[in-house]
PDB file of all heavy atoms in Angstrom:
ATOM      1  N   ARG A   1      -8.267  -4.087  15.172  1.00  0.00           N
ATOM      2  CA  ARG A   1      -8.678  -4.117  13.764  1.00  0.00           C
ATOM      3  C   ARG A   1     -10.045  -3.463  13.571  1.00  0.00           C
ATOM      4  O   ARG A   1     -10.959  -4.019  12.943  1.00  0.00           O
ATOM      5  CB  ARG A   1      -8.708  -5.557  13.231  1.00  0.00           C
ATOM      6  CG  ARG A   1      -7.380  -6.269  13.303  1.00  0.00           C
ATOM      7  CD  ARG A   1      -6.429  -5.788  12.233  1.00  0.00           C
ATOM      8  NE  ARG A   1      -6.944  -6.061  10.911  1.00  0.00           N
ATOM      9  CZ  ARG A   1      -6.554  -5.426   9.811  1.00  0.00           C
ATOM     10  NH1 ARG A   1      -5.672  -4.453   9.890  1.00  0.00           N
ATOM     11  NH2 ARG A   1      -7.064  -5.752   8.628  1.00  0.00           N
ATOM     12  N   THR A   2     -10.198  -2.265  14.137  1.00  0.00           N
ATOM     13  CA  THR A   2     -11.453  -1.546  13.991  1.00  0.00           C
ATOM     14  C   THR A   2     -11.638  -1.112  12.532  1.00  0.00           C
ATOM     15  O   THR A   2     -10.716  -1.176  11.720  1.00  0.00           O
ATOM     16  CB  THR A   2     -11.467  -0.298  14.885  1.00  0.00           C
ATOM     17  OG1 THR A   2     -10.420   0.594  14.451  1.00  0.00           O
ATOM     18  CG2 THR A   2     -11.235  -0.668  16.346  1.00  0.00           C
ATOM     19  N   ARG A   3     -12.851  -0.644  12.239  1.00  0.00           N
ATOM     20  CA  ARG A   3     -13.131  -0.230  10.865  1.00  0.00           C
ATOM     21  C   ARG A   3     -12.201   0.907  10.452  1.00  0.00           C
ATOM     22  O   ARG A   3     -11.690   0.930   9.319  1.00  0.00           O
ATOM     23  CB  ARG A   3     -14.592   0.203  10.745  1.00  0.00           C
ATOM     24  CG  ARG A   3     -14.977   0.625   9.334  1.00  0.00           C
ATOM     25  CD  ARG A   3     -16.437   1.040   9.257  1.00  0.00           C
ATOM     26  NE  ARG A   3     -17.325  -0.051   9.654  1.00  0.00           N
ATOM     27  CZ  ARG A   3     -18.635   0.055   9.732  1.00  0.00           C
ATOM     28  NH1 ARG A   3     -19.215   1.231   9.482  1.00  0.00           N
ATOM     29  NH2 ARG A   3     -19.380  -0.975  10.087  1.00  0.00           N
ATOM     30  N   SER A   4     -11.985   1.876  11.333  1.00  0.00           N
ATOM     31  CA  SER A   4     -11.106   3.005  10.995  1.00  0.00           C
ATOM     32  C   SER A   4      -9.680   2.530  10.780  1.00  0.00           C
ATOM     33  O   SER A   4      -8.967   3.037   9.893  1.00  0.00           O
ATOM     34  CB  SER A   4     -11.148   4.068  12.101  1.00  0.00           C
ATOM     35  OG  SER A   4     -10.652   3.543  13.320  1.00  0.00           O
ATOM     36  N   ALA A   5      -9.236   1.545  11.570  1.00  0.00           N
ATOM     37  CA  ALA A   5      -7.881   1.007  11.403  1.00  0.00           C
ATOM     38  C   ALA A   5      -7.745   0.299  10.064  1.00  0.00           C
ATOM     39  O   ALA A   5      -6.711   0.412   9.389  1.00  0.00           O
ATOM     40  CB  ALA A   5      -7.545   0.062  12.548  1.00  0.00           C
ATOM     41  N   ARG A   6      -8.783  -0.435   9.653  1.00  0.00           N
ATOM     42  CA  ARG A   6      -8.735  -1.125   8.364  1.00  0.00           C
ATOM     43  C   ARG A   6      -8.712  -0.125   7.210  1.00  0.00           C
ATOM     44  O   ARG A   6      -8.016  -0.333   6.213  1.00  0.00           O
ATOM     45  CB  ARG A   6      -9.916  -2.087   8.235  1.00  0.00           C
ATOM     46  CG  ARG A   6      -9.841  -3.276   9.201  1.00  0.00           C
ATOM     47  CD  ARG A   6     -10.827  -4.366   8.799  1.00  0.00           C
ATOM     48  NE  ARG A   6     -12.207  -3.912   8.774  1.00  0.00           N
ATOM     49  CZ  ARG A   6     -13.031  -3.927   9.816  1.00  0.00           C
ATOM     50  NH1 ARG A   6     -12.591  -4.390  10.992  1.00  0.00           N
ATOM     51  NH2 ARG A   6     -14.288  -3.516   9.703  1.00  0.00           N
ATOM     52  N   ARG A   7      -9.484   0.962   7.346  1.00  0.00           N
ATOM     53  CA  ARG A   7      -9.470   2.000   6.308  1.00  0.00           C
ATOM     54  C   ARG A   7      -8.092   2.653   6.224  1.00  0.00           C
ATOM     55  O   ARG A   7      -7.584   2.927   5.142  1.00  0.00           O
ATOM     56  CB  ARG A   7     -10.538   3.062   6.602  1.00  0.00           C
ATOM     57  CG  ARG A   7     -11.960   2.637   6.254  1.00  0.00           C
ATOM     58  CD  ARG A   7     -12.873   3.849   6.135  1.00  0.00           C
ATOM     59  NE  ARG A   7     -12.881   4.636   7.363  1.00  0.00           N
ATOM     60  CZ  ARG A   7     -13.790   4.511   8.321  1.00  0.00           C
ATOM     61  NH1 ARG A   7     -14.766   3.617   8.204  1.00  0.00           N
ATOM     62  NH2 ARG A   7     -13.741   5.275   9.394  1.00  0.00           N
ATOM     63  N   GLN A   8      -7.513   2.895   7.402  1.00  0.00           N
ATOM     64  CA  GLN A   8      -6.191   3.506   7.447  1.00  0.00           C
ATOM     65  C   GLN A   8      -5.141   2.611   6.779  1.00  0.00           C
ATOM     66  O   GLN A   8      -4.322   3.075   5.983  1.00  0.00           O
ATOM     67  CB  GLN A   8      -5.781   3.756   8.906  1.00  0.00           C
ATOM     68  CG  GLN A   8      -4.474   4.466   9.086  1.00  0.00           C
ATOM     69  CD  GLN A   8      -4.567   5.951   8.775  1.00  0.00           C
ATOM     70  OE1 GLN A   8      -3.659   6.508   8.200  1.00  0.00           O
ATOM     71  NE2 GLN A   8      -5.660   6.600   9.154  1.00  0.00           N
ATOM     72  N   GLU A   9      -5.196   1.316   7.069  1.00  0.00           N
ATOM     73  CA  GLU A   9      -4.237   0.394   6.478  1.00  0.00           C
ATOM     74  C   GLU A   9      -4.419   0.301   4.969  1.00  0.00           C
ATOM     75  O   GLU A   9      -3.440   0.236   4.211  1.00  0.00           O
ATOM     76  CB  GLU A   9      -4.367  -0.997   7.100  1.00  0.00           C
ATOM     77  CG  GLU A   9      -3.312  -1.965   6.602  1.00  0.00           C
ATOM     78  CD  GLU A   9      -3.324  -3.278   7.365  1.00  0.00           C
ATOM     79  OE1 GLU A   9      -4.191  -3.457   8.240  1.00  0.00           O
ATOM     80  OE2 GLU A   9      -2.445  -4.114   7.096  1.00  0.00           O
ATOM     81  N   ALA A  10      -5.670   0.339   4.505  1.00  0.00           N
ATOM     82  CA  ALA A  10      -5.922   0.300   3.068  1.00  0.00           C
ATOM     83  C   ALA A  10      -5.358   1.536   2.384  1.00  0.00           C
ATOM     84  O   ALA A  10      -4.795   1.459   1.280  1.00  0.00           O
ATOM     85  CB  ALA A  10      -7.423   0.186   2.817  1.00  0.00           C
ATOM     86  N   ARG A  11      -5.497   2.688   3.036  1.00  0.00           N
ATOM     87  CA  ARG A  11      -4.945   3.920   2.472  1.00  0.00           C
ATOM     88  C   ARG A  11      -3.430   3.835   2.377  1.00  0.00           C
ATOM     89  O   ARG A  11      -2.828   4.236   1.373  1.00  0.00           O
ATOM     90  CB  ARG A  11      -5.353   5.128   3.326  1.00  0.00           C
ATOM     91  CG  ARG A  11      -4.954   6.472   2.715  1.00  0.00           C
ATOM     92  CD  ARG A  11      -5.204   7.621   3.658  1.00  0.00           C
ATOM     93  NE  ARG A  11      -4.295   7.613   4.791  1.00  0.00           N
ATOM     94  CZ  ARG A  11      -3.046   8.091   4.734  1.00  0.00           C
ATOM     95  NH1 ARG A  11      -2.574   8.585   3.609  1.00  0.00           N
ATOM     96  NH2 ARG A  11      -2.281   8.077   5.805  1.00  0.00           N
ATOM     97  N   LEU A  12      -2.797   3.318   3.431  1.00  0.00           N
ATOM     98  CA  LEU A  12      -1.338   3.189   3.422  1.00  0.00           C
ATOM     99  C   LEU A  12      -0.872   2.208   2.353  1.00  0.00           C
ATOM    100  O   LEU A  12       0.138   2.437   1.680  1.00  0.00           O
ATOM    101  CB  LEU A  12      -0.841   2.750   4.802  1.00  0.00           C
ATOM    102  CG  LEU A  12      -1.043   3.748   5.949  1.00  0.00           C
ATOM    103  CD1 LEU A  12      -0.477   3.186   7.248  1.00  0.00           C
ATOM    104  CD2 LEU A  12      -0.416   5.089   5.629  1.00  0.00           C
ATOM    105  N   LEU A  13      -1.614   1.117   2.187  1.00  0.00           N
ATOM    106  CA  LEU A  13      -1.256   0.145   1.142  1.00  0.00           C
ATOM    107  C   LEU A  13      -1.384   0.752  -0.247  1.00  0.00           C
ATOM    108  O   LEU A  13      -0.579   0.457  -1.141  1.00  0.00           O
ATOM    109  CB  LEU A  13      -2.128  -1.105   1.266  1.00  0.00           C
ATOM    110  CG  LEU A  13      -1.734  -2.090   2.363  1.00  0.00           C
ATOM    111  CD1 LEU A  13      -2.795  -3.169   2.531  1.00  0.00           C
ATOM    112  CD2 LEU A  13      -0.369  -2.717   2.074  1.00  0.00           C
ATOM    113  N   ASP A  14      -2.388   1.607  -0.439  1.00  0.00           N
ATOM    114  CA  ASP A  14      -2.518   2.304  -1.716  1.00  0.00           C
ATOM    115  C   ASP A  14      -1.306   3.197  -1.951  1.00  0.00           C
ATOM    116  O   ASP A  14      -0.771   3.271  -3.070  1.00  0.00           O
ATOM    117  CB  ASP A  14      -3.793   3.151  -1.746  1.00  0.00           C
ATOM    118  CG  ASP A  14      -5.046   2.313  -1.891  1.00  0.00           C
ATOM    119  OD1 ASP A  14      -4.929   1.133  -2.283  1.00  0.00           O
ATOM    120  OD2 ASP A  14      -6.142   2.835  -1.595  1.00  0.00           O
ATOM    121  N   ARG A  15      -0.884   3.894  -0.885  1.00  0.00           N
ATOM    122  CA  ARG A  15       0.289   4.765  -0.992  1.00  0.00           C
ATOM    123  C   ARG A  15       1.537   3.939  -1.313  1.00  0.00           C
ATOM    124  O   ARG A  15       2.346   4.320  -2.168  1.00  0.00           O
ATOM    125  CB  ARG A  15       0.476   5.535   0.323  1.00  0.00           C
ATOM    126  CG  ARG A  15       1.753   6.345   0.422  1.00  0.00           C
ATOM    127  CD  ARG A  15       1.803   7.428  -0.624  1.00  0.00           C
ATOM    128  NE  ARG A  15       3.008   8.234  -0.491  1.00  0.00           N
ATOM    129  CZ  ARG A  15       3.563   8.922  -1.489  1.00  0.00           C
ATOM    130  NH1 ARG A  15       2.990   8.910  -2.676  1.00  0.00           N
ATOM    131  NH2 ARG A  15       4.645   9.624  -1.290  1.00  0.00           N
ATOM    132  N   VAL A  16       1.687   2.803  -0.654  1.00  0.00           N
ATOM    133  CA  VAL A  16       2.824   1.929  -0.919  1.00  0.00           C
ATOM    134  C   VAL A  16       2.799   1.460  -2.372  1.00  0.00           C
ATOM    135  O   VAL A  16       3.838   1.432  -3.048  1.00  0.00           O
ATOM    136  CB  VAL A  16       2.818   0.728   0.050  1.00  0.00           C
ATOM    137  CG1 VAL A  16       3.825  -0.337  -0.396  1.00  0.00           C
ATOM    138  CG2 VAL A  16       3.145   1.193   1.463  1.00  0.00           C
ATOM    139  N   GLY A  17       1.624   1.113  -2.863  1.00  0.00           N
ATOM    140  CA  GLY A  17       1.499   0.673  -4.244  1.00  0.00           C
ATOM    141  C   GLY A  17       1.933   1.739  -5.238  1.00  0.00           C
ATOM    142  O   GLY A  17       2.591   1.439  -6.251  1.00  0.00           O
ATOM    143  N   GLU A  18       1.590   2.996  -4.956  1.00  0.00           N
ATOM    144  CA  GLU A  18       2.005   4.088  -5.830  1.00  0.00           C
ATOM    145  C   GLU A  18       3.529   4.214  -5.876  1.00  0.00           C
ATOM    146  O   GLU A  18       4.117   4.415  -6.945  1.00  0.00           O
ATOM    147  CB  GLU A  18       1.395   5.404  -5.336  1.00  0.00           C
ATOM    148  CG  GLU A  18      -0.115   5.484  -5.488  1.00  0.00           C
ATOM    149  CD  GLU A  18      -0.687   6.707  -4.800  1.00  0.00           C
ATOM    150  OE1 GLU A  18       0.107   7.461  -4.172  1.00  0.00           O
ATOM    151  OE2 GLU A  18      -1.913   6.918  -4.870  1.00  0.00           O
ATOM    152  N   ILE A  19       4.161   4.072  -4.724  1.00  0.00           N
ATOM    153  CA  ILE A  19       5.626   4.198  -4.657  1.00  0.00           C
ATOM    154  C   ILE A  19       6.298   3.003  -5.320  1.00  0.00           C
ATOM    155  O   ILE A  19       7.303   3.150  -6.027  1.00  0.00           O
ATOM    156  CB  ILE A  19       6.072   4.345  -3.190  1.00  0.00           C
ATOM    157  CG1 ILE A  19       5.526   5.642  -2.601  1.00  0.00           C
ATOM    158  CG2 ILE A  19       7.593   4.311  -3.076  1.00  0.00           C
ATOM    159  CD1 ILE A  19       5.683   5.766  -1.110  1.00  0.00           C
ATOM    160  N   VAL A  20       5.747   1.815  -5.106  1.00  0.00           N
ATOM    161  CA  VAL A  20       6.266   0.608  -5.753  1.00  0.00           C
ATOM    162  C   VAL A  20       6.241   0.772  -7.267  1.00  0.00           C
ATOM    163  O   VAL A  20       7.223   0.472  -7.966  1.00  0.00           O
ATOM    164  CB  VAL A  20       5.459  -0.631  -5.310  1.00  0.00           C
ATOM    165  CG1 VAL A  20       5.687  -1.803  -6.257  1.00  0.00           C
ATOM    166  CG2 VAL A  20       5.834  -1.021  -3.883  1.00  0.00           C
ATOM    167  N   ASP A  21       5.134   1.272  -7.797  1.00  0.00           N
ATOM    168  CA  ASP A  21       5.023   1.486  -9.244  1.00  0.00           C
ATOM    169  C   ASP A  21       6.007   2.559  -9.704  1.00  0.00           C
ATOM    170  O   ASP A  21       6.662   2.413 -10.752  1.00  0.00           O
ATOM    171  CB  ASP A  21       3.595   1.890  -9.617  1.00  0.00           C
ATOM    172  CG  ASP A  21       2.596   0.755  -9.427  1.00  0.00           C
ATOM    173  OD1 ASP A  21       3.034  -0.412  -9.344  1.00  0.00           O
ATOM    174  OD2 ASP A  21       1.386   1.043  -9.349  1.00  0.00           O
ATOM    175  N   TYR A  22       6.116   3.631  -8.943  1.00  0.00           N
ATOM    176  CA  TYR A  22       6.992   4.748  -9.322  1.00  0.00           C
ATOM    177  C   TYR A  22       8.451   4.305  -9.425  1.00  0.00           C
ATOM    178  O   TYR A  22       9.171   4.718 -10.338  1.00  0.00           O
ATOM    179  CB  TYR A  22       6.855   5.875  -8.292  1.00  0.00           C
ATOM    180  CG  TYR A  22       7.780   7.044  -8.511  1.00  0.00           C
ATOM    181  CD1 TYR A  22       7.628   7.869  -9.620  1.00  0.00           C
ATOM    182  CD2 TYR A  22       8.795   7.331  -7.605  1.00  0.00           C
ATOM    183  CE1 TYR A  22       8.476   8.948  -9.829  1.00  0.00           C
ATOM    184  CE2 TYR A  22       9.643   8.411  -7.804  1.00  0.00           C
ATOM    185  CZ  TYR A  22       9.478   9.214  -8.918  1.00  0.00           C
ATOM    186  OH  TYR A  22      10.324  10.279  -9.124  1.00  0.00           O
ATOM    187  N   LEU A  23       8.890   3.440  -8.523  1.00  0.00           N
ATOM    188  CA  LEU A  23      10.283   3.000  -8.498  1.00  0.00           C
ATOM    189  C   LEU A  23      10.503   1.658  -9.189  1.00  0.00           C
ATOM    190  O   LEU A  23      11.606   1.095  -9.114  1.00  0.00           O
ATOM    191  CB  LEU A  23      10.781   2.928  -7.043  1.00  0.00           C
ATOM    192  CG  LEU A  23      10.879   4.281  -6.331  1.00  0.00           C
ATOM    193  CD1 LEU A  23      11.327   4.088  -4.883  1.00  0.00           C
ATOM    194  CD2 LEU A  23      11.839   5.219  -7.056  1.00  0.00           C
ATOM    195  N   GLY A  24       9.474   1.139  -9.852  1.00  0.00           N
ATOM    196  CA  GLY A  24       9.632  -0.088 -10.612  1.00  0.00           C
ATOM    197  C   GLY A  24       9.907  -1.319  -9.767  1.00  0.00           C
ATOM    198  O   GLY A  24      10.682  -2.196 -10.159  1.00  0.00           O
ATOM    199  N   LEU A  25       9.252  -1.404  -8.610  1.00  0.00           N
ATOM    200  CA  LEU A  25       9.482  -2.514  -7.674  1.00  0.00           C
ATOM    201  C   LEU A  25       8.340  -3.533  -7.681  1.00  0.00           C
ATOM    202  O   LEU A  25       8.311  -4.425  -6.827  1.00  0.00           O
ATOM    203  CB  LEU A  25       9.669  -1.962  -6.247  1.00  0.00           C
ATOM    204  CG  LEU A  25      10.922  -1.110  -6.021  1.00  0.00           C
ATOM    205  CD1 LEU A  25      10.844  -0.412  -4.661  1.00  0.00           C
ATOM    206  CD2 LEU A  25      12.181  -1.967  -6.105  1.00  0.00           C
ATOM    207  N   GLY A  26       7.430  -3.434  -8.628  1.00  0.00           N
ATOM    208  CA  GLY A  26       6.261  -4.306  -8.627  1.00  0.00           C
ATOM    209  C   GLY A  26       6.589  -5.785  -8.662  1.00  0.00           C
ATOM    210  O   GLY A  26       5.941  -6.592  -7.989  1.00  0.00           O
ATOM    211  N   ALA A  27       7.607  -6.175  -9.419  1.00  0.00           N
ATOM    212  CA  ALA A  27       7.939  -7.600  -9.565  1.00  0.00           C
ATOM    213  C   ALA A  27       8.489  -8.205  -8.293  1.00  0.00           C
ATOM    214  O   ALA A  27       8.468  -9.432  -8.123  1.00  0.00           O
ATOM    215  CB  ALA A  27       8.946  -7.787 -10.707  1.00  0.00           C
ATOM    216  N   VAL A  28       8.984  -7.354  -7.369  1.00  0.00           N
ATOM    217  CA  VAL A  28       9.593  -7.880  -6.128  1.00  0.00           C
ATOM    218  C   VAL A  28       8.815  -7.422  -4.891  1.00  0.00           C
ATOM    219  O   VAL A  28       9.287  -7.566  -3.773  1.00  0.00           O
ATOM    220  CB  VAL A  28      11.078  -7.448  -6.014  1.00  0.00           C
ATOM    221  CG1 VAL A  28      11.896  -8.057  -7.142  1.00  0.00           C
ATOM    222  CG2 VAL A  28      11.217  -5.929  -5.991  1.00  0.00           C
ATOM    223  N   ARG A  29       7.610  -6.917  -5.083  1.00  0.00           N
ATOM    224  CA  ARG A  29       6.845  -6.331  -3.975  1.00  0.00           C
ATOM    225  C   ARG A  29       6.706  -7.277  -2.792  1.00  0.00           C
ATOM    226  O   ARG A  29       6.776  -6.846  -1.637  1.00  0.00           O
ATOM    227  CB  ARG A  29       5.472  -5.906  -4.487  1.00  0.00           C
ATOM    228  CG  ARG A  29       4.580  -5.291  -3.418  1.00  0.00           C
ATOM    229  CD  ARG A  29       3.346  -4.679  -4.024  1.00  0.00           C
ATOM    230  NE  ARG A  29       2.490  -4.061  -3.026  1.00  0.00           N
ATOM    231  CZ  ARG A  29       1.471  -3.236  -3.294  1.00  0.00           C
ATOM    232  NH1 ARG A  29       1.181  -2.935  -4.549  1.00  0.00           N
ATOM    233  NH2 ARG A  29       0.739  -2.713  -2.314  1.00  0.00           N
ATOM    234  N   HIS A  30       6.528  -8.571  -3.047  1.00  0.00           N
ATOM    235  CA  HIS A  30       6.301  -9.528  -1.963  1.00  0.00           C
ATOM    236  C   HIS A  30       7.520 -10.421  -1.706  1.00  0.00           C
ATOM    237  O   HIS A  30       7.404 -11.457  -1.054  1.00  0.00           O
ATOM    238  CB  HIS A  30       5.070 -10.374  -2.283  1.00  0.00           C
ATOM    239  CG  HIS A  30       3.821  -9.555  -2.446  1.00  0.00           C
ATOM    240  ND1 HIS A  30       3.219  -8.890  -1.394  1.00  0.00           N
ATOM    241  CD2 HIS A  30       3.086  -9.260  -3.556  1.00  0.00           C
ATOM    242  CE1 HIS A  30       2.156  -8.236  -1.846  1.00  0.00           C
ATOM    243  NE2 HIS A  30       2.052  -8.446  -3.147  1.00  0.00           N
TER     244      HIS A  30
END
């Protein structure tokens, strides 16, 4: 869980969030 790994995971989560919004999956994300 280095700093670079945490930054990388945050970037991926942002990307996932964009796709979730694009496909209308926000209500079932979790």
